[in-house]
Protein backbone atom coordinates (compact mmCIF):
# COMPACT_ATOMS: atom_id res chain seq x y z
CA MET A 1 86.11 138.36 36.54
CA THR A 2 85.87 134.57 36.90
CA SER A 3 83.03 132.66 38.49
CA ALA A 4 85.24 131.81 41.48
CA ASP A 5 85.60 135.49 42.25
CA THR A 6 81.85 135.99 42.49
CA THR A 7 81.42 133.78 45.59
CA SER A 8 79.70 135.76 48.27
CA PRO A 9 81.05 135.85 51.83
CA GLU A 10 77.85 134.15 53.04
CA GLN A 11 78.74 131.03 51.03
CA GLU A 12 82.22 130.61 52.48
CA THR A 13 82.84 127.93 55.14
CA VAL A 14 84.78 129.09 58.15
CA LEU A 15 86.55 126.45 60.30
CA ILE A 16 87.47 127.58 63.79
CA LEU A 17 90.01 125.49 65.74
CA ARG A 18 89.94 125.70 69.50
CA PRO A 19 92.00 123.83 72.12
CA SER A 20 90.29 120.99 73.95
CA ARG A 21 88.90 121.73 77.37
CA GLY A 22 87.99 119.67 80.42
CA PHE A 23 88.37 115.89 80.30
CA ALA A 24 88.48 115.94 76.48
CA VAL A 25 92.06 117.16 76.66
CA LEU A 26 93.08 113.88 78.32
CA ASN A 27 92.15 111.90 75.18
CA LEU A 28 92.07 108.62 77.11
CA ARG A 29 90.74 106.87 74.02
CA ASP A 30 94.36 106.67 72.84
CA LEU A 31 95.05 104.08 75.53
CA TRP A 32 92.48 101.76 73.97
CA ILE A 33 93.78 102.39 70.46
CA TYR A 34 97.34 101.56 71.57
CA ARG A 35 96.33 98.70 73.89
CA GLU A 36 98.56 96.25 72.01
CA LEU A 37 101.56 98.48 72.72
CA VAL A 38 100.66 98.51 76.42
CA PHE A 39 100.56 94.71 76.42
CA PHE A 40 103.85 94.46 74.51
CA LEU A 41 105.69 96.82 76.87
CA THR A 42 104.31 95.03 79.92
CA TRP A 43 105.38 91.66 78.54
CA ARG A 44 108.80 93.07 77.66
CA ASP A 45 109.32 94.35 81.20
CA LEU A 46 108.38 90.95 82.65
CA LYS A 47 110.84 89.12 80.41
CA VAL A 48 113.69 91.57 80.98
CA ARG A 49 113.18 91.58 84.75
CA TYR A 50 113.94 87.87 85.19
CA ARG A 51 116.28 87.35 82.23
CA GLN A 52 119.61 85.69 83.13
CA THR A 53 118.55 85.10 86.74
CA ALA A 54 119.05 81.78 88.50
CA LEU A 55 115.72 81.92 90.35
CA GLY A 56 113.68 83.61 87.63
CA ALA A 57 110.09 84.41 88.60
CA ALA A 58 110.73 82.88 92.04
CA TRP A 59 111.99 86.33 93.05
CA ALA A 60 108.36 87.45 93.05
CA ILE A 61 107.82 84.96 95.90
CA LEU A 62 111.16 85.20 97.67
CA VAL A 63 111.22 88.97 98.28
CA PRO A 64 107.82 89.36 100.01
CA VAL A 65 108.25 86.10 101.92
CA VAL A 66 111.63 87.18 103.32
CA GLU A 67 110.16 90.58 104.23
CA MET A 68 107.25 88.86 105.94
CA VAL A 69 109.57 86.59 107.97
CA VAL A 70 111.78 89.50 109.08
CA PHE A 71 108.79 91.67 110.03
CA THR A 72 107.15 88.77 111.87
CA VAL A 73 110.26 88.17 113.99
CA LEU A 74 111.03 91.84 114.69
CA PHE A 75 107.57 93.35 115.06
CA GLY A 76 105.37 90.34 115.76
CA GLU A 77 107.54 88.37 118.18
CA ILE A 78 109.96 90.92 119.65
CA ALA A 79 108.04 94.22 119.52
CA GLN A 80 104.69 92.43 120.07
CA LEU A 81 102.73 94.79 117.83
CA SER A 82 99.01 94.15 117.64
CA SER A 83 97.70 92.08 114.73
CA GLU A 84 94.06 92.16 115.86
CA GLY A 85 94.08 88.48 116.86
CA ILE A 86 95.29 87.34 113.43
CA PRO A 87 98.57 85.41 113.01
CA TYR A 88 101.10 88.17 112.38
CA ALA A 89 102.57 86.48 109.31
CA ILE A 90 99.18 86.54 107.56
CA PHE A 91 98.36 89.99 108.90
CA ASN A 92 101.59 91.39 107.48
CA PHE A 93 101.63 89.49 104.19
CA ALA A 94 98.08 90.60 103.33
CA ALA A 95 99.33 94.20 103.53
CA LEU A 96 102.50 93.50 101.55
CA LEU A 97 100.45 92.38 98.53
CA PRO A 98 98.93 95.79 97.67
CA TRP A 99 102.05 97.56 98.89
CA GLY A 100 104.09 95.54 96.39
CA ILE A 101 101.93 96.85 93.55
CA PHE A 102 102.36 100.43 94.77
CA SER A 103 106.08 100.40 95.55
CA LYS A 104 107.11 98.57 92.39
CA GLY A 105 104.80 100.65 90.21
CA LEU A 106 106.01 103.91 91.74
CA ASN A 107 109.70 103.12 91.26
CA ASP A 108 109.35 101.60 87.78
CA ALA A 109 106.81 104.04 86.36
CA GLY A 110 108.52 107.01 88.01
CA ARG A 111 111.65 106.35 85.92
CA SER A 112 109.88 104.88 82.90
CA LEU A 113 109.93 107.96 80.67
CA VAL A 114 113.65 108.53 81.14
CA ASN A 115 114.42 104.83 80.67
CA ASN A 116 112.47 104.81 77.39
CA ARG A 117 113.91 108.04 75.99
CA ASN A 118 114.82 106.36 72.70
CA MET A 119 111.20 105.50 71.98
CA ILE A 120 109.94 108.92 73.00
CA THR A 121 112.33 110.84 70.77
CA LYS A 122 111.90 108.65 67.68
CA VAL A 123 108.34 107.32 67.50
CA TYR A 124 104.96 108.94 68.13
CA PHE A 125 102.58 107.23 70.52
CA PRO A 126 100.66 108.40 73.60
CA ARG A 127 103.31 108.82 76.29
CA LEU A 128 100.76 107.71 78.86
CA VAL A 129 101.29 104.17 77.56
CA ILE A 130 104.73 103.93 79.19
CA PRO A 131 103.83 104.47 82.89
CA VAL A 132 100.65 102.40 82.48
CA ALA A 133 102.67 99.47 81.10
CA SER A 134 105.23 99.81 83.90
CA ILE A 135 102.49 99.37 86.50
CA GLY A 136 100.96 96.38 84.72
CA GLY A 137 103.94 94.17 85.58
CA GLY A 138 103.12 94.43 89.28
CA LEU A 139 99.86 92.55 88.74
CA ALA A 140 101.81 89.40 87.87
CA ASP A 141 103.72 89.61 91.15
CA PHE A 142 100.43 90.22 92.97
CA ALA A 143 98.90 87.06 91.48
CA ILE A 144 101.89 84.98 92.55
CA GLY A 145 101.88 86.52 96.02
CA PHE A 146 98.17 85.84 96.42
CA VAL A 147 98.84 82.12 95.93
CA VAL A 148 101.47 82.35 98.69
CA LEU A 149 98.90 84.01 100.97
CA ILE A 150 96.50 81.11 100.43
CA GLY A 151 99.33 78.77 101.42
CA LEU A 152 99.96 80.76 104.61
CA VAL A 153 96.27 80.65 105.48
CA ALA A 154 96.26 76.88 105.04
CA TYR A 155 99.45 76.51 107.11
CA PHE A 156 98.10 78.53 110.05
CA ASN A 157 94.57 77.10 109.56
CA PHE A 158 93.19 80.61 109.83
CA SER A 159 89.42 80.25 110.04
CA PRO A 160 88.08 83.21 107.97
CA LEU A 161 89.74 81.91 104.82
CA SER A 162 90.36 78.25 105.56
CA THR A 163 88.22 75.17 105.00
CA TYR A 164 86.68 76.41 101.75
CA THR A 165 85.06 79.51 103.25
CA PHE A 166 86.19 81.75 100.36
CA THR A 167 82.70 81.67 98.90
CA LEU A 168 81.00 82.17 102.26
CA ARG A 169 82.33 85.63 103.10
CA PRO A 170 80.58 88.45 101.23
CA ALA A 171 83.45 90.81 102.08
CA LEU A 172 85.67 88.92 99.64
CA LEU A 173 83.54 90.26 96.80
CA THR A 174 84.89 93.74 97.55
CA LEU A 175 88.52 92.67 97.02
CA PRO A 176 88.55 93.65 93.30
CA LEU A 177 87.42 97.14 94.31
CA PHE A 178 90.36 97.54 96.68
CA LEU A 179 92.68 96.14 94.03
CA LEU A 180 91.32 98.77 91.63
CA LEU A 181 91.89 101.42 94.30
CA ALA A 182 95.50 100.26 94.64
CA LEU A 183 96.00 100.60 90.87
CA VAL A 184 94.34 104.04 90.81
CA THR A 185 96.60 105.25 93.63
CA THR A 186 99.70 103.81 92.00
CA LEU A 187 98.93 105.30 88.58
CA GLY A 188 98.06 108.72 89.97
CA VAL A 189 101.24 109.07 92.04
CA SER A 190 103.37 107.57 89.25
CA LEU A 191 102.09 110.06 86.69
CA TRP A 192 103.22 112.95 88.86
CA PHE A 193 106.66 111.49 89.54
CA SER A 194 107.30 110.28 85.97
CA ALA A 195 106.48 113.70 84.49
CA LEU A 196 108.52 115.52 87.12
CA ASN A 197 111.46 113.17 86.58
CA VAL A 198 111.77 114.33 82.96
CA THR A 199 112.43 117.89 84.08
CA TYR A 200 114.07 117.25 87.44
CA ARG A 201 116.27 114.16 87.50
CA ASP A 202 116.55 114.49 91.28
CA VAL A 203 113.15 112.82 91.40
CA GLY A 204 114.64 109.54 90.24
CA TYR A 205 117.14 109.59 93.10
CA ALA A 206 114.46 110.55 95.61
CA LEU A 207 112.05 107.75 94.71
CA PRO A 208 113.62 105.06 96.97
CA PHE A 209 113.60 107.49 99.90
CA VAL A 210 109.99 108.53 99.25
CA THR A 211 108.95 104.88 99.02
CA GLN A 212 110.67 104.03 102.30
CA VAL A 213 109.06 106.92 104.18
CA TRP A 214 105.66 106.09 102.66
CA PHE A 215 106.08 102.49 103.83
CA PHE A 216 106.29 103.50 107.49
CA LEU A 217 103.37 105.91 107.10
CA THR A 218 101.20 103.02 105.86
CA PRO A 219 99.81 100.40 108.30
CA ILE A 220 101.79 97.44 106.98
CA ILE A 221 103.85 96.32 109.98
CA TYR A 222 101.24 97.65 112.41
CA SER A 223 97.49 98.09 112.61
CA SER A 224 95.96 101.46 111.83
CA SER A 225 93.83 101.09 114.97
CA GLU A 226 96.99 101.65 117.06
CA ILE A 227 97.53 105.02 115.35
CA LEU A 228 93.89 106.07 115.43
CA GLU A 229 93.61 105.36 119.16
CA LYS A 230 96.36 107.90 119.86
CA LEU A 231 94.88 110.62 117.63
CA PRO A 232 92.06 112.94 118.72
CA GLN A 233 88.73 112.12 117.14
CA GLY A 234 88.75 115.31 115.07
CA LEU A 235 92.21 114.68 113.62
CA ARG A 236 91.88 111.07 112.54
CA TRP A 237 90.95 112.09 108.99
CA ILE A 238 94.51 113.44 108.57
CA TYR A 239 95.87 109.90 108.71
CA ALA A 240 93.46 108.85 105.94
CA ILE A 241 94.93 111.45 103.57
CA ASN A 242 97.51 108.75 102.83
CA PRO A 243 95.55 106.84 100.14
CA MET A 244 97.41 103.61 100.87
CA VAL A 245 95.81 103.51 104.33
CA GLY A 246 92.43 102.78 102.78
CA VAL A 247 93.95 100.27 100.35
CA VAL A 248 95.81 98.23 102.98
CA GLU A 249 93.02 98.24 105.54
CA GLY A 250 90.53 97.36 102.81
CA PHE A 251 92.61 94.36 101.77
CA ARG A 252 92.87 93.13 105.35
CA TRP A 253 89.17 93.55 105.96
CA ALA A 254 88.17 91.79 102.74
CA LEU A 255 90.65 88.93 103.12
CA LEU A 256 91.02 88.46 106.87
CA GLY A 257 87.89 89.96 108.38
CA THR A 258 89.68 92.52 110.55
CA GLU A 259 87.73 94.84 112.83
CA THR A 260 88.63 97.95 110.81
CA ALA A 261 85.77 97.85 108.32
CA PRO A 262 85.62 100.40 105.48
CA GLY A 263 84.12 103.66 106.64
CA VAL A 264 84.71 107.39 106.48
CA LEU A 265 88.49 107.01 106.56
CA THR A 266 88.42 104.61 103.62
CA LEU A 267 86.19 107.03 101.72
CA ILE A 268 88.67 109.85 102.37
CA SER A 269 91.54 107.69 101.09
CA ALA A 270 89.53 106.80 97.97
CA LEU A 271 88.70 110.45 97.26
CA VAL A 272 92.36 111.42 97.67
CA SER A 273 93.34 108.63 95.23
CA LEU A 274 90.88 109.92 92.63
CA LEU A 275 92.09 113.49 93.12
CA VAL A 276 95.72 112.43 92.68
CA LEU A 277 94.84 110.43 89.55
CA VAL A 278 92.83 113.19 87.86
CA SER A 279 95.37 115.89 88.68
CA GLY A 280 98.20 113.59 87.60
CA LEU A 281 96.52 112.93 84.25
CA PHE A 282 96.08 116.65 83.55
CA TYR A 283 99.66 117.46 84.61
CA PHE A 284 101.07 114.58 82.57
CA ARG A 285 99.16 115.66 79.45
CA ARG A 286 100.24 119.27 79.88
CA MET A 287 103.90 118.31 80.16
CA GLU A 288 103.73 115.63 77.46
CA ARG A 289 104.34 118.09 74.62
CA THR A 290 107.82 118.89 75.99
CA PHE A 291 108.97 115.37 76.88
CA ALA A 292 110.87 114.76 73.62
CA ASP A 293 112.75 118.07 73.96
CA GLU A 294 113.66 117.82 77.64
CA ILE A 295 114.40 114.13 77.91
């Protein structure tokens, strides 16, 4: 008998492997490790989007401006919808800024896994990188659109933001929080749709329809106060289940000083956004192991 055979069971080391539980299973640290890949994919999407176009990045200005003009004529001048005493062009454009992040992110990130099938089937990396990078491109359009909004404010000489009063309104300090809420909402919804689109390709065809319906459910061309006035007091929270309600009204309040200040409805929208994000992360991670096979 050799010396190796005389090892007692008490001296043996037993390694037990168990699956991760709770938030550990999300392994969000991978996003930081692969941050350069996120930046590269975001930059690639920006370059491809405006490649071989005559107007280039000017499309980021042209599209929301044309939408704003059409909505102003139809709903501001003809339909005479309330804009809470604010010039309708500014009232509408301030809502189109966060909506642009959401709609573009939802449509791009919702199809991102299928569009990047070659990467998924050949190279290992956290699949979460792809929808995150698809949403990042919308921030560039938001920055350009924000400059246009400043120009509109100057043109209409709108007092809450004109004549160098940017630094005088404390509400403006909350704008990054509402921008973060817009990104959280966009990422959460996009994770659900992108993962579902791998298994059910109908999702890709349904995205434009879902986006259009969601647009009219969000107070972009109208004020949420018009909807809330027609709802019973006990049912108003139902309208706030749409997380984009809190985002849009928060932007308007922070930028334009509207009467609809953040309150219980905004809190409900924020909680729904967090719930959608957390559930979307868990669902995405659970389905991630089958992406390469099903895609």
